[in-house]
Amino acid sequence: MDKKRLMLQHFLAAIAYRTQKALREAPPGFAEFRAAPGVRTPHELIFHITGVLGYARTFLTGGTWRPIIEEDFPAEVNRFHSILTKLRELLESNTPFENLTPERMLQGPLSDAMSHAGQLAMLRRFFGSPIRPENFIMADINAENTGENQPEPISPDDEWLDAEGAPQGRQ
């Protein structure tokens, strides 16, 4: 398998890891939390990410992807991981890209999905339940693991550079 496909698979696993980090131990009510009018809830964000990834999959399978939101948040999260896994398997099987390069796959739908994983983490803070800082360079991300069962942080970081009360650095 070529290096670009391996990198895309790893990026999909990183999306799974970061999304689960944002969702792990979320308090009741988080799924339907709306930070402001017009801002997506976590439930709506997972649905949107699933749609973006389903769209990405069409560049390998053809067709269209038009999902309907799952009423149950855990079912939506399950579908998100299912589409991540299907996309990873298509990349792994060397299914040819249709009208898209690996670079454009990364810069478009996959980067969009990762941005939304970050939004989920930000919404946790707004909800009053921030996730712990982590050095993601050290994270145990396995390109073959795009499911819900993601590892715990290897390097939780209680003294991250921009933590409240942390001493200011120098340039």
Protein backbone atom coordinates (compact mmCIF):
# COMPACT_ATOMS: atom_id res chain seq x y z
CA MET A 1 0.00 0.00 0.00
CA ASP A 2 1.29 3.47 -0.78
CA LYS A 3 2.41 5.91 1.90
CA LYS A 4 -0.35 8.41 1.14
CA ARG A 5 -3.07 5.86 1.85
CA LEU A 6 -1.32 4.81 5.05
CA MET A 7 -1.20 8.44 6.17
CA LEU A 8 -4.91 8.89 5.39
CA GLN A 9 -5.72 5.76 7.41
CA HIS A 10 -3.70 7.09 10.33
CA PHE A 11 -5.51 10.43 10.06
CA LEU A 12 -8.89 8.65 10.18
CA ALA A 13 -7.75 6.86 13.36
CA ALA A 14 -6.66 10.22 14.82
CA ILE A 15 -10.15 11.59 14.09
CA ALA A 16 -11.64 8.60 15.94
CA TYR A 17 -9.26 9.08 18.88
CA ARG A 18 -9.84 12.81 19.26
CA THR A 19 -13.59 12.49 18.84
CA GLN A 20 -13.78 9.80 21.52
CA LYS A 21 -11.57 11.88 23.81
CA ALA A 22 -14.10 14.72 23.50
CA LEU A 23 -17.05 12.37 24.12
CA ARG A 24 -15.53 10.16 26.84
CA GLU A 25 -17.23 10.67 30.20
CA ALA A 26 -19.32 13.56 28.87
CA PRO A 27 -21.96 14.51 31.42
CA PRO A 28 -25.67 13.96 30.83
CA GLY A 29 -27.17 16.59 28.55
CA PHE A 30 -23.96 17.24 26.62
CA ALA A 31 -25.24 15.65 23.40
CA GLU A 32 -28.02 18.24 23.12
CA PHE A 33 -26.06 21.25 24.44
CA ARG A 34 -26.42 24.29 22.17
CA ALA A 35 -23.81 26.93 23.03
CA ALA A 36 -25.68 29.68 21.13
CA PRO A 37 -28.42 30.00 18.53
CA GLY A 38 -27.24 28.55 15.22
CA VAL A 39 -24.38 26.58 16.80
CA ARG A 40 -24.56 22.82 16.28
CA THR A 41 -25.11 20.58 19.26
CA PRO A 42 -22.63 17.71 19.79
CA HIS A 43 -25.30 15.36 18.40
CA GLU A 44 -25.63 17.54 15.29
CA LEU A 45 -21.83 17.78 14.98
CA ILE A 46 -21.40 14.00 15.00
CA PHE A 47 -24.16 13.74 12.38
CA HIS A 48 -22.39 16.40 10.28
CA ILE A 49 -19.00 14.68 10.59
CA THR A 50 -20.62 11.41 9.54
CA GLY A 51 -22.07 13.18 6.52
CA VAL A 52 -18.69 14.66 5.59
CA LEU A 53 -17.01 11.26 5.88
CA GLY A 54 -19.82 9.60 3.92
CA TYR A 55 -19.29 12.19 1.20
CA ALA A 56 -15.56 11.41 1.23
CA ARG A 57 -16.39 7.73 0.81
CA THR A 58 -18.29 8.48 -2.42
CA PHE A 59 -14.96 9.39 -4.02
CA LEU A 60 -14.01 5.74 -3.59
CA THR A 61 -17.37 4.03 -4.14
CA GLY A 62 -19.37 6.42 -6.32
CA GLY A 63 -22.98 7.19 -5.56
CA THR A 64 -24.27 9.71 -3.05
CA TRP A 65 -24.47 9.89 0.73
CA ARG A 66 -27.48 11.53 2.33
CA PRO A 67 -27.95 10.24 5.87
CA ILE A 68 -30.85 11.07 8.15
CA ILE A 69 -29.94 12.02 11.71
CA GLU A 70 -30.24 9.22 14.24
CA GLU A 71 -32.62 10.15 17.07
CA ASP A 72 -30.42 8.37 19.59
CA PHE A 73 -27.00 9.97 20.21
CA PRO A 74 -25.17 6.67 20.91
CA ALA A 75 -26.55 5.32 17.60
CA GLU A 76 -25.20 8.43 15.83
CA VAL A 77 -21.77 7.93 17.42
CA ASN A 78 -21.87 4.27 16.37
CA ARG A 79 -22.68 5.25 12.77
CA PHE A 80 -19.83 7.81 12.82
CA HIS A 81 -17.35 5.06 13.76
CA SER A 82 -18.89 2.70 11.22
CA ILE A 83 -18.37 5.13 8.34
CA LEU A 84 -14.81 5.87 9.57
CA THR A 85 -14.10 2.14 9.50
CA LYS A 86 -15.65 1.64 6.06
CA LEU A 87 -13.59 4.53 4.67
CA ARG A 88 -10.43 3.11 6.26
CA GLU A 89 -11.14 -0.32 4.78
CA LEU A 90 -11.62 1.18 1.31
CA LEU A 91 -8.27 2.94 1.60
CA GLU A 92 -6.66 -0.26 2.86
CA SER A 93 -8.05 -2.29 -0.05
CA ASN A 94 -6.52 0.14 -2.57
CA THR A 95 -9.93 1.04 -4.00
CA PRO A 96 -9.10 3.71 -6.60
CA PHE A 97 -10.00 7.35 -6.01
CA GLU A 98 -12.58 8.78 -8.40
CA ASN A 99 -11.91 12.42 -9.39
CA LEU A 100 -9.96 13.16 -6.22
CA THR A 101 -6.36 12.91 -5.06
CA PRO A 102 -5.30 11.72 -1.60
CA GLU A 103 -4.08 15.26 -0.91
CA ARG A 104 -7.50 16.74 -1.67
CA MET A 105 -9.16 14.07 0.46
CA LEU A 106 -6.95 15.21 3.35
CA GLN A 107 -7.34 18.96 2.79
CA GLY A 108 -11.10 18.73 2.30
CA PRO A 109 -13.37 16.28 4.11
CA LEU A 110 -10.82 14.74 6.47
CA SER A 111 -9.52 18.10 7.70
CA ASP A 112 -13.11 19.27 8.07
CA ALA A 113 -13.89 16.23 10.23
CA MET A 114 -10.83 16.86 12.43
CA SER A 115 -11.85 20.50 12.88
CA HIS A 116 -15.23 19.35 14.14
CA ALA A 117 -13.58 16.95 16.60
CA GLY A 118 -11.89 20.05 18.03
CA GLN A 119 -15.24 21.81 18.21
CA LEU A 120 -16.58 18.94 20.30
CA ALA A 121 -13.70 19.43 22.74
CA MET A 122 -14.42 23.17 22.89
CA LEU A 123 -18.11 22.50 23.54
CA ARG A 124 -17.12 20.31 26.49
CA ARG A 125 -15.39 23.34 28.02
CA PHE A 126 -18.41 25.57 27.33
CA PHE A 127 -20.62 22.91 28.96
CA GLY A 128 -18.49 23.17 32.12
CA SER A 129 -16.80 19.80 31.68
CA PRO A 130 -13.46 20.42 29.94
CA ILE A 131 -11.39 17.50 28.72
CA ARG A 132 -7.93 17.09 30.20
CA PRO A 133 -5.03 18.45 28.17
CA GLU A 134 -2.99 15.83 26.35
CA ASN A 135 0.20 15.74 24.33
CA PHE A 136 -1.25 14.17 21.16
CA ILE A 137 2.22 13.46 19.81
CA MET A 138 2.41 10.69 22.42
CA ALA A 139 -1.13 9.34 21.83
CA ASP A 140 -1.46 5.62 21.14
CA ILE A 141 -3.19 6.00 17.77
CA ASN A 142 -3.33 2.84 15.68
CA ALA A 143 -4.28 3.26 12.00
CA GLU A 144 -6.39 0.09 12.22
CA ASN A 145 -8.52 1.37 15.12
CA THR A 146 -11.31 3.64 13.92
CA GLY A 147 -13.89 2.24 16.34
CA GLU A 148 -15.38 3.58 19.57
CA ASN A 149 -12.95 1.70 21.80
CA GLN A 150 -10.03 4.12 21.84
CA PRO A 151 -7.10 3.92 24.27
CA GLU A 152 -6.78 6.14 27.31
CA PRO A 153 -4.29 9.03 27.05
CA ILE A 154 -0.66 8.00 27.44
CA SER A 155 0.53 11.47 28.27
CA PRO A 156 -2.13 13.48 30.05
CA ASP A 157 -0.69 16.89 30.67
CA ASP A 158 -1.86 18.77 33.77
CA GLU A 159 0.59 21.61 33.13
CA TRP A 160 -0.03 22.39 29.47
CA LEU A 161 1.53 25.60 28.14
CA ASP A 162 -1.68 27.64 27.98
CA ALA A 163 -3.40 26.19 31.04
CA GLU A 164 -5.06 28.74 33.29
CA GLY A 165 -2.52 29.99 35.80
CA ALA A 166 0.47 28.52 33.94
CA PRO A 167 3.55 30.75 33.82
CA GLN A 168 3.96 32.68 30.60
CA GLY A 169 6.73 31.46 28.32
CA ARG A 170 9.34 33.35 26.37
CA GLN A 171 9.98 33.54 22.68
